[in-house]
Amino acid sequence: MTNVTVTVNGTSRSAEVEARTLLVEFLRNKLNLTGTHVGCDTSQCGACTVHLNGKPVKSCTMLAVQADGQNVTTIEGVAPGSDLHPMQAAFKECHGLQCGFCTPGMVMSALGIIARHQGRALDEKTVRQELEGNLCRCTGYQGIVNAVLLGAKNMGVKVA
């Protein structure tokens, strides 16, 4: 067993894990942060996307020990209290979700897209291209793309 300490959503958290424990398992099973979903276990669907030191990663392909000493943001840490983050509100407004299973990963990926495109206009083609690593089985992607663009706009990002 190995002790892992990670700053998650601004709070230092520690737990004993086996060396083979995936980050997604650590978050869900050890820290009870169940907003990060396990979809495919092969990094194909993106449901497990979290931010590691501000960058999106698929937590089903990363070991918890690799995150030791790092900063992790999960969907629970995106907005304070019961308020919605502008991106979460946009997903609600644009019907960018149906069952909601993929939504946390989509929101985390969308925030990563915005961070990567700071200072540049964001357009539909770019959003579609960058969301290719996230799968949704319920919706057409148009609502999701619309949500990302509205969320970006509501965050002060120029949208083309």
N, C-alpha and C. Protein backbone atom coordinates (compact mmCIF):
# COMPACT_ATOMS: atom_id res chain seq x y z
N MET A 1 0.84 -1.18 0.00
CA MET A 1 0.00 0.00 0.00
C MET A 1 0.89 1.25 0.00
N THR A 2 0.38 2.28 -0.64
CA THR A 2 1.09 3.54 -0.78
C THR A 2 0.19 4.67 -0.36
N ASN A 3 0.72 5.64 0.36
CA ASN A 3 -0.06 6.80 0.72
C ASN A 3 0.02 7.82 -0.42
N VAL A 4 -1.14 8.29 -0.86
CA VAL A 4 -1.23 9.29 -1.92
C VAL A 4 -1.88 10.53 -1.34
N THR A 5 -1.24 11.67 -1.55
CA THR A 5 -1.80 12.96 -1.13
C THR A 5 -1.95 13.83 -2.36
N VAL A 6 -3.17 14.28 -2.58
CA VAL A 6 -3.51 15.08 -3.75
C VAL A 6 -4.32 16.28 -3.28
N THR A 7 -4.07 17.44 -3.86
CA THR A 7 -4.93 18.58 -3.60
C THR A 7 -6.08 18.47 -4.58
N VAL A 8 -7.27 18.16 -4.06
CA VAL A 8 -8.45 17.95 -4.89
C VAL A 8 -9.43 19.08 -4.62
N ASN A 9 -9.75 19.82 -5.66
CA ASN A 9 -10.69 20.93 -5.56
C ASN A 9 -10.29 21.91 -4.45
N GLY A 10 -8.97 22.10 -4.32
CA GLY A 10 -8.44 23.06 -3.38
C GLY A 10 -8.18 22.55 -1.98
N THR A 11 -8.47 21.27 -1.72
CA THR A 11 -8.29 20.69 -0.39
C THR A 11 -7.34 19.51 -0.46
N SER A 12 -6.35 19.47 0.43
CA SER A 12 -5.42 18.36 0.47
C SER A 12 -6.14 17.12 0.99
N ARG A 13 -6.03 16.03 0.24
CA ARG A 13 -6.68 14.77 0.61
C ARG A 13 -5.67 13.65 0.49
N SER A 14 -5.71 12.72 1.43
CA SER A 14 -4.79 11.58 1.44
C SER A 14 -5.55 10.29 1.64
N ALA A 15 -4.99 9.22 1.09
CA ALA A 15 -5.54 7.89 1.30
C ALA A 15 -4.50 6.86 0.94
N GLU A 16 -4.62 5.70 1.54
CA GLU A 16 -3.77 4.56 1.23
C GLU A 16 -4.36 3.84 0.03
N VAL A 17 -3.51 3.54 -0.96
CA VAL A 17 -3.98 2.84 -2.15
C VAL A 17 -2.97 1.78 -2.55
N GLU A 18 -3.43 0.81 -3.31
CA GLU A 18 -2.52 -0.13 -3.94
C GLU A 18 -1.84 0.61 -5.09
N ALA A 19 -0.66 0.21 -5.42
CA ALA A 19 0.10 0.89 -6.48
C ALA A 19 -0.62 0.88 -7.82
N ARG A 20 -1.48 -0.07 -8.04
CA ARG A 20 -2.20 -0.19 -9.32
C ARG A 20 -3.53 0.56 -9.36
N THR A 21 -3.89 1.27 -8.30
CA THR A 21 -5.16 1.98 -8.24
C THR A 21 -5.18 3.12 -9.24
N LEU A 22 -6.22 3.15 -10.05
CA LEU A 22 -6.38 4.23 -11.03
C LEU A 22 -6.85 5.51 -10.33
N LEU A 23 -6.52 6.64 -10.92
CA LEU A 23 -6.94 7.92 -10.35
C LEU A 23 -8.45 7.99 -10.23
N VAL A 24 -9.18 7.51 -11.22
CA VAL A 24 -10.64 7.54 -11.14
C VAL A 24 -11.15 6.72 -9.95
N GLU A 25 -10.52 5.59 -9.67
CA GLU A 25 -10.92 4.77 -8.52
C GLU A 25 -10.59 5.48 -7.21
N PHE A 26 -9.44 6.12 -7.17
CA PHE A 26 -9.04 6.89 -5.99
C PHE A 26 -10.07 7.99 -5.71
N LEU A 27 -10.44 8.73 -6.73
CA LEU A 27 -11.40 9.83 -6.56
C LEU A 27 -12.77 9.31 -6.12
N ARG A 28 -13.26 8.28 -6.78
CA ARG A 28 -14.60 7.78 -6.51
C ARG A 28 -14.67 6.95 -5.23
N ASN A 29 -13.73 6.02 -5.06
CA ASN A 29 -13.83 5.05 -3.97
C ASN A 29 -13.16 5.48 -2.68
N LYS A 30 -12.06 6.21 -2.78
CA LYS A 30 -11.35 6.64 -1.58
C LYS A 30 -11.81 8.01 -1.11
N LEU A 31 -12.11 8.92 -2.06
CA LEU A 31 -12.47 10.29 -1.69
C LEU A 31 -13.97 10.57 -1.83
N ASN A 32 -14.73 9.59 -2.32
CA ASN A 32 -16.17 9.69 -2.47
C ASN A 32 -16.59 10.85 -3.38
N LEU A 33 -15.79 11.14 -4.39
CA LEU A 33 -16.12 12.17 -5.38
C LEU A 33 -16.65 11.43 -6.62
N THR A 34 -17.93 11.17 -6.61
CA THR A 34 -18.53 10.29 -7.61
C THR A 34 -19.01 11.01 -8.87
N GLY A 35 -18.74 12.29 -8.99
CA GLY A 35 -19.09 13.02 -10.21
C GLY A 35 -18.23 12.59 -11.39
N THR A 36 -17.04 12.12 -11.13
CA THR A 36 -16.16 11.60 -12.17
C THR A 36 -16.61 10.18 -12.47
N HIS A 37 -17.04 9.93 -13.70
CA HIS A 37 -17.64 8.64 -14.03
C HIS A 37 -16.65 7.69 -14.70
N VAL A 38 -16.91 6.41 -14.52
CA VAL A 38 -16.16 5.36 -15.20
C VAL A 38 -17.04 4.90 -16.35
N GLY A 39 -16.56 5.12 -17.56
CA GLY A 39 -17.36 4.73 -18.72
C GLY A 39 -16.82 3.49 -19.38
N CYS A 40 -15.64 3.59 -19.96
CA CYS A 40 -15.12 2.51 -20.79
C CYS A 40 -13.88 1.83 -20.22
N ASP A 41 -13.19 2.47 -19.31
CA ASP A 41 -11.93 1.96 -18.75
C ASP A 41 -10.80 1.85 -19.78
N THR A 42 -10.96 2.47 -20.93
CA THR A 42 -9.94 2.39 -21.97
C THR A 42 -9.57 3.75 -22.55
N SER A 43 -9.99 4.82 -21.94
CA SER A 43 -9.75 6.20 -22.34
C SER A 43 -10.43 6.59 -23.64
N GLN A 44 -11.43 5.84 -24.07
CA GLN A 44 -12.13 6.12 -25.31
C GLN A 44 -13.27 7.11 -25.14
N CYS A 45 -13.95 7.13 -23.97
CA CYS A 45 -15.21 7.88 -23.86
C CYS A 45 -15.09 9.25 -23.20
N GLY A 46 -14.10 9.47 -22.36
CA GLY A 46 -13.91 10.77 -21.73
C GLY A 46 -14.78 11.05 -20.52
N ALA A 47 -15.62 10.10 -20.09
CA ALA A 47 -16.49 10.32 -18.95
C ALA A 47 -15.70 10.56 -17.66
N CYS A 48 -14.47 10.12 -17.63
CA CYS A 48 -13.64 10.21 -16.43
C CYS A 48 -12.72 11.45 -16.42
N THR A 49 -12.94 12.38 -17.35
CA THR A 49 -12.04 13.53 -17.49
C THR A 49 -12.04 14.42 -16.25
N VAL A 50 -10.86 14.70 -15.75
CA VAL A 50 -10.63 15.65 -14.66
C VAL A 50 -9.49 16.56 -15.11
N HIS A 51 -9.21 17.57 -14.33
CA HIS A 51 -8.05 18.42 -14.64
C HIS A 51 -6.93 18.10 -13.67
N LEU A 52 -5.75 17.87 -14.20
CA LEU A 52 -4.54 17.65 -13.41
C LEU A 52 -3.65 18.85 -13.67
N ASN A 53 -3.40 19.62 -12.63
CA ASN A 53 -2.61 20.86 -12.76
C ASN A 53 -3.16 21.74 -13.87
N GLY A 54 -4.48 21.81 -13.97
CA GLY A 54 -5.15 22.69 -14.91
C GLY A 54 -5.35 22.15 -16.31
N LYS A 55 -4.93 20.92 -16.57
CA LYS A 55 -5.08 20.35 -17.91
C LYS A 55 -5.95 19.09 -17.85
N PRO A 56 -6.84 18.93 -18.83
CA PRO A 56 -7.70 17.74 -18.83
C PRO A 56 -6.90 16.45 -19.02
N VAL A 57 -7.24 15.45 -18.22
CA VAL A 57 -6.68 14.11 -18.36
C VAL A 57 -7.80 13.11 -18.15
N LYS A 58 -7.63 11.96 -18.75
CA LYS A 58 -8.59 10.88 -18.55
C LYS A 58 -8.11 10.06 -17.36
N SER A 59 -8.86 10.14 -16.28
CA SER A 59 -8.40 9.55 -15.02
C SER A 59 -8.50 8.04 -14.98
N CYS A 60 -9.05 7.41 -16.01
CA CYS A 60 -9.09 5.94 -16.05
C CYS A 60 -7.79 5.35 -16.59
N THR A 61 -6.91 6.21 -17.10
CA THR A 61 -5.64 5.69 -17.64
C THR A 61 -4.44 6.23 -16.87
N MET A 62 -4.71 6.81 -15.72
CA MET A 62 -3.64 7.36 -14.90
C MET A 62 -3.70 6.73 -13.51
N LEU A 63 -2.56 6.37 -12.99
CA LEU A 63 -2.52 5.80 -11.65
C LEU A 63 -2.62 6.91 -10.60
N ALA A 64 -3.24 6.60 -9.49
CA ALA A 64 -3.36 7.56 -8.40
C ALA A 64 -1.98 8.01 -7.93
N VAL A 65 -1.01 7.10 -7.89
CA VAL A 65 0.33 7.47 -7.43
C VAL A 65 0.99 8.48 -8.34
N GLN A 66 0.60 8.51 -9.62
CA GLN A 66 1.13 9.51 -10.54
C GLN A 66 0.61 10.91 -10.21
N ALA A 67 -0.52 10.98 -9.53
CA ALA A 67 -1.10 12.27 -9.16
C ALA A 67 -0.63 12.74 -7.79
N ASP A 68 0.16 11.92 -7.10
CA ASP A 68 0.64 12.28 -5.77
C ASP A 68 1.35 13.64 -5.81
N GLY A 69 0.93 14.54 -4.94
CA GLY A 69 1.52 15.87 -4.86
C GLY A 69 1.00 16.85 -5.89
N GLN A 70 0.06 16.43 -6.72
CA GLN A 70 -0.47 17.26 -7.80
C GLN A 70 -1.80 17.90 -7.40
N ASN A 71 -2.28 18.80 -8.26
CA ASN A 71 -3.59 19.44 -8.08
C ASN A 71 -4.58 18.82 -9.05
N VAL A 72 -5.71 18.37 -8.51
CA VAL A 72 -6.76 17.76 -9.32
C VAL A 72 -8.05 18.56 -9.12
N THR A 73 -8.72 18.84 -10.22
CA THR A 73 -10.04 19.46 -10.15
C THR A 73 -11.02 18.49 -10.78
N THR A 74 -12.07 18.17 -10.03
CA THR A 74 -13.14 17.31 -10.53
C THR A 74 -14.36 18.19 -10.81
N ILE A 75 -15.39 17.59 -11.35
CA ILE A 75 -16.61 18.34 -11.64
C ILE A 75 -17.17 18.97 -10.36
N GLU A 76 -16.94 18.35 -9.22
CA GLU A 76 -17.44 18.90 -7.95
C GLU A 76 -16.75 20.21 -7.59
N GLY A 77 -15.56 20.45 -8.14
CA GLY A 77 -14.80 21.64 -7.80
C GLY A 77 -14.91 22.77 -8.82
N VAL A 78 -15.75 22.60 -9.83
CA VAL A 78 -15.86 23.59 -10.89
C VAL A 78 -16.59 24.85 -10.43
N ALA A 79 -17.62 24.67 -9.63
CA ALA A 79 -18.43 25.82 -9.18
C ALA A 79 -18.57 25.80 -7.66
N PRO A 80 -18.58 26.97 -7.04
CA PRO A 80 -18.71 27.02 -5.58
C PRO A 80 -20.14 26.72 -5.13
N GLY A 81 -20.27 25.99 -4.04
CA GLY A 81 -21.57 25.74 -3.45
C GLY A 81 -22.55 25.10 -4.41
N SER A 82 -23.78 25.60 -4.39
CA SER A 82 -24.82 25.03 -5.24
C SER A 82 -24.97 25.80 -6.55
N ASP A 83 -24.14 26.83 -6.77
CA ASP A 83 -24.20 27.58 -8.02
C ASP A 83 -23.64 26.75 -9.17
N LEU A 84 -24.15 27.01 -10.35
CA LEU A 84 -23.60 26.36 -11.53
C LEU A 84 -22.51 27.23 -12.14
N HIS A 85 -21.48 26.60 -12.63
CA HIS A 85 -20.46 27.28 -13.42
C HIS A 85 -21.13 27.69 -14.73
N PRO A 86 -20.69 28.78 -15.38
CA PRO A 86 -21.30 29.16 -16.66
C PRO A 86 -21.33 28.03 -17.69
N MET A 87 -20.35 27.16 -17.69
CA MET A 87 -20.36 26.04 -18.63
C MET A 87 -21.43 25.03 -18.25
N GLN A 88 -21.58 24.75 -16.97
CA GLN A 88 -22.63 23.84 -16.54
C GLN A 88 -24.01 24.42 -16.87
N ALA A 89 -24.18 25.71 -16.63
CA ALA A 89 -25.45 26.36 -16.93
C ALA A 89 -25.76 26.31 -18.42
N ALA A 90 -24.73 26.45 -19.25
CA ALA A 90 -24.92 26.39 -20.70
C ALA A 90 -25.34 25.00 -21.13
N PHE A 91 -24.79 23.95 -20.52
CA PHE A 91 -25.21 22.58 -20.85
C PHE A 91 -26.68 22.40 -20.52
N LYS A 92 -27.11 22.96 -19.41
CA LYS A 92 -28.52 22.88 -19.03
C LYS A 92 -29.38 23.67 -20.02
N GLU A 93 -28.98 24.87 -20.32
CA GLU A 93 -29.77 25.75 -21.19
C GLU A 93 -29.86 25.23 -22.63
N CYS A 94 -28.80 24.65 -23.14
CA CYS A 94 -28.75 24.20 -24.53
C CYS A 94 -29.13 22.73 -24.69
N HIS A 95 -29.57 22.10 -23.63
CA HIS A 95 -29.92 20.68 -23.68
C HIS A 95 -28.74 19.85 -24.17
N GLY A 96 -27.58 20.18 -23.65
CA GLY A 96 -26.36 19.47 -24.00
C GLY A 96 -26.17 18.22 -23.19
N LEU A 97 -27.23 17.74 -22.60
CA LEU A 97 -27.17 16.51 -21.81
C LEU A 97 -28.50 15.80 -21.93
N GLN A 98 -28.49 14.53 -21.76
CA GLN A 98 -29.74 13.78 -21.71
C GLN A 98 -29.70 12.91 -20.47
N CYS A 99 -29.00 11.81 -20.50
CA CYS A 99 -28.92 10.99 -19.29
C CYS A 99 -27.95 11.60 -18.28
N GLY A 100 -27.00 12.40 -18.77
CA GLY A 100 -26.06 13.07 -17.89
C GLY A 100 -24.79 12.31 -17.58
N PHE A 101 -24.68 11.07 -18.04
CA PHE A 101 -23.52 10.26 -17.69
C PHE A 101 -22.22 10.87 -18.22
N CYS A 102 -22.24 11.34 -19.45
CA CYS A 102 -21.02 11.89 -20.05
C CYS A 102 -20.78 13.34 -19.68
N THR A 103 -21.79 14.00 -19.12
CA THR A 103 -21.75 15.45 -18.92
C THR A 103 -20.57 15.94 -18.08
N PRO A 104 -20.24 15.32 -16.94
CA PRO A 104 -19.09 15.82 -16.19
C PRO A 104 -17.80 15.83 -17.03
N GLY A 105 -17.56 14.77 -17.76
CA GLY A 105 -16.37 14.71 -18.61
C GLY A 105 -16.43 15.72 -19.74
N MET A 106 -17.62 15.92 -20.29
CA MET A 106 -17.78 16.92 -21.36
C MET A 106 -17.50 18.32 -20.83
N VAL A 107 -18.03 18.64 -19.66
CA VAL A 107 -17.80 19.96 -19.06
C VAL A 107 -16.31 20.16 -18.79
N MET A 108 -15.65 19.17 -18.22
CA MET A 108 -14.22 19.30 -17.92
C MET A 108 -13.42 19.45 -19.21
N SER A 109 -13.79 18.71 -20.25
CA SER A 109 -13.10 18.85 -21.54
C SER A 109 -13.36 20.22 -22.15
N ALA A 110 -14.59 20.70 -22.05
CA ALA A 110 -14.94 22.02 -22.58
C ALA A 110 -14.12 23.11 -21.91
N LEU A 111 -13.95 23.02 -20.61
CA LEU A 111 -13.13 24.01 -19.90
C LEU A 111 -11.68 23.94 -20.36
N GLY A 112 -11.21 22.75 -20.69
CA GLY A 112 -9.86 22.60 -21.23
C GLY A 112 -9.74 23.23 -22.61
N ILE A 113 -10.77 23.09 -23.42
CA ILE A 113 -10.77 23.71 -24.75
C ILE A 113 -10.64 25.22 -24.61
N ILE A 114 -11.43 25.79 -23.72
CA ILE A 114 -11.40 27.24 -23.51
C ILE A 114 -10.02 27.68 -23.04
N ALA A 115 -9.44 26.93 -22.12
CA ALA A 115 -8.11 27.29 -21.61
C ALA A 115 -7.06 27.26 -22.72
N ARG A 116 -7.16 26.28 -23.61
CA ARG A 116 -6.19 26.16 -24.71
C ARG A 116 -6.37 27.24 -25.77
N HIS A 117 -7.54 27.83 -25.84
CA HIS A 117 -7.83 28.80 -26.90
C HIS A 117 -7.97 30.22 -26.37
N GLN A 118 -7.36 30.50 -25.22
CA GLN A 118 -7.40 31.85 -24.64
C GLN A 118 -6.91 32.85 -25.66
N GLY A 119 -7.66 33.93 -25.82
CA GLY A 119 -7.25 35.00 -26.72
C GLY A 119 -7.59 34.77 -28.17
N ARG A 120 -8.16 33.62 -28.50
CA ARG A 120 -8.56 33.32 -29.88
C ARG A 120 -10.05 33.04 -29.90
N ALA A 121 -10.68 33.36 -31.00
CA ALA A 121 -12.10 33.07 -31.16
C ALA A 121 -12.31 31.56 -31.23
N LEU A 122 -13.36 31.11 -30.60
CA LEU A 122 -13.70 29.69 -30.58
C LEU A 122 -14.86 29.48 -31.56
N ASP A 123 -14.75 28.46 -32.39
CA ASP A 123 -15.82 28.21 -33.36
C ASP A 123 -16.30 26.76 -33.28
N GLU A 124 -17.39 26.48 -33.98
CA GLU A 124 -18.01 25.16 -33.93
C GLU A 124 -17.06 24.07 -34.41
N LYS A 125 -16.33 24.33 -35.48
CA LYS A 125 -15.41 23.32 -36.01
C LYS A 125 -14.36 22.93 -34.97
N THR A 126 -13.81 23.92 -34.29
CA THR A 126 -12.79 23.66 -33.27
C THR A 126 -13.38 22.85 -32.12
N VAL A 127 -14.56 23.24 -31.66
CA VAL A 127 -15.20 22.52 -30.56
C VAL A 127 -15.44 21.07 -30.95
N ARG A 128 -15.99 20.84 -32.12
CA ARG A 128 -16.25 19.46 -32.57
C ARG A 128 -14.96 18.65 -32.64
N GLN A 129 -13.93 19.26 -33.19
CA GLN A 129 -12.64 18.57 -33.33
C GLN A 129 -12.07 18.22 -31.96
N GLU A 130 -12.14 19.14 -31.03
CA GLU A 130 -11.52 18.91 -29.73
C GLU A 130 -12.35 18.02 -28.80
N LEU A 131 -13.63 17.85 -29.10
CA LEU A 131 -14.46 16.96 -28.30
C LEU A 131 -14.45 15.52 -28.82
N GLU A 132 -13.63 15.24 -29.83
CA GLU A 132 -13.61 13.90 -30.40
C GLU A 132 -13.25 12.82 -29.38
N GLY A 133 -12.58 13.16 -28.33
CA GLY A 133 -12.21 12.19 -27.30
C GLY A 133 -13.27 11.96 -26.26
N ASN A 134 -14.45 12.54 -26.45
CA ASN A 134 -15.57 12.38 -25.52
C ASN A 134 -16.77 11.82 -26.29
N LEU A 135 -17.36 10.77 -25.76
CA LEU A 135 -18.51 10.14 -26.41
C LEU A 135 -19.79 10.36 -25.62
N CYS A 136 -20.88 10.56 -26.36
CA CYS A 136 -22.21 10.65 -25.78
C CYS A 136 -23.08 9.68 -26.57
N ARG A 137 -23.82 8.85 -25.87
CA ARG A 137 -24.66 7.86 -26.55
C ARG A 137 -26.11 8.30 -26.62
N CYS A 138 -26.48 9.41 -25.97
CA CYS A 138 -27.88 9.81 -25.90
C CYS A 138 -28.26 10.97 -26.80
N THR A 139 -27.40 11.96 -26.89
CA THR A 139 -27.78 13.18 -27.60
C THR A 139 -27.14 13.23 -28.98
N GLY A 140 -27.68 14.10 -29.80
CA GLY A 140 -26.91 14.50 -30.96
C GLY A 140 -25.90 15.48 -30.41
N TYR A 141 -24.80 15.61 -31.03
CA TYR A 141 -23.76 16.46 -30.49
C TYR A 141 -24.04 17.94 -30.66
N GLN A 142 -25.05 18.32 -31.43
CA GLN A 142 -25.29 19.74 -31.67
C GLN A 142 -25.58 20.48 -30.37
N GLY A 143 -26.38 19.89 -29.48
CA GLY A 143 -26.66 20.53 -28.19
C GLY A 143 -25.41 20.70 -27.34
N ILE A 144 -24.53 19.73 -27.41
CA ILE A 144 -23.28 19.80 -26.66
C ILE A 144 -22.39 20.90 -27.23
N VAL A 145 -22.26 20.94 -28.54
CA VAL A 145 -21.45 21.97 -29.19
C VAL A 145 -22.02 23.36 -28.89
N ASN A 146 -23.33 23.50 -28.99
CA ASN A 146 -23.97 24.77 -28.66
C ASN A 146 -23.70 25.17 -27.22
N ALA A 147 -23.73 24.19 -26.32
CA ALA A 147 -23.48 24.45 -24.90
C ALA A 147 -22.04 24.93 -24.68
N VAL A 148 -21.09 24.30 -25.33
CA VAL A 148 -19.69 24.71 -25.17
C VAL A 148 -19.51 26.14 -25.67
N LEU A 149 -20.10 26.45 -26.80
CA LEU A 149 -19.97 27.80 -27.35
C LEU A 149 -20.67 28.84 -26.47
N LEU A 150 -21.86 28.52 -25.96
CA LEU A 150 -22.56 29.46 -25.06
C LEU A 150 -21.78 29.61 -23.76
N GLY A 151 -21.30 28.50 -23.22
CA GLY A 151 -20.52 28.56 -21.99
C GLY A 151 -19.28 29.41 -22.16
N ALA A 152 -18.60 29.25 -23.29
CA ALA A 152 -17.42 30.05 -23.60
C ALA A 152 -17.79 31.53 -23.65
N LYS A 153 -18.86 31.83 -24.38
CA LYS A 153 -19.31 33.21 -24.49
C LYS A 153 -19.63 33.80 -23.12
N ASN A 154 -20.31 33.03 -22.29
CA ASN A 154 -20.67 33.50 -20.95
C ASN A 154 -19.47 33.62 -20.02
N MET A 155 -18.35 33.03 -20.42
CA MET A 155 -17.11 33.16 -19.66
C MET A 155 -16.23 34.26 -20.23
N GLY A 156 -16.74 34.99 -21.21
CA GLY A 156 -15.99 36.11 -21.78
C GLY A 156 -15.07 35.76 -22.93
N VAL A 157 -15.23 34.55 -23.49
CA VAL A 157 -14.41 34.12 -24.61
C VAL A 157 -15.11 34.53 -25.89
N LYS A 158 -14.35 35.02 -26.84
CA LYS A 158 -14.91 35.41 -28.14
C LYS A 158 -15.31 34.15 -28.89
N VAL A 159 -16.53 34.15 -29.41
CA VAL A 159 -17.05 33.02 -30.17
C VAL A 159 -17.30 33.48 -31.59
N ALA A 160 -16.76 32.72 -32.55
CA ALA A 160 -16.91 33.08 -33.98
C ALA A 160 -18.22 32.56 -34.52
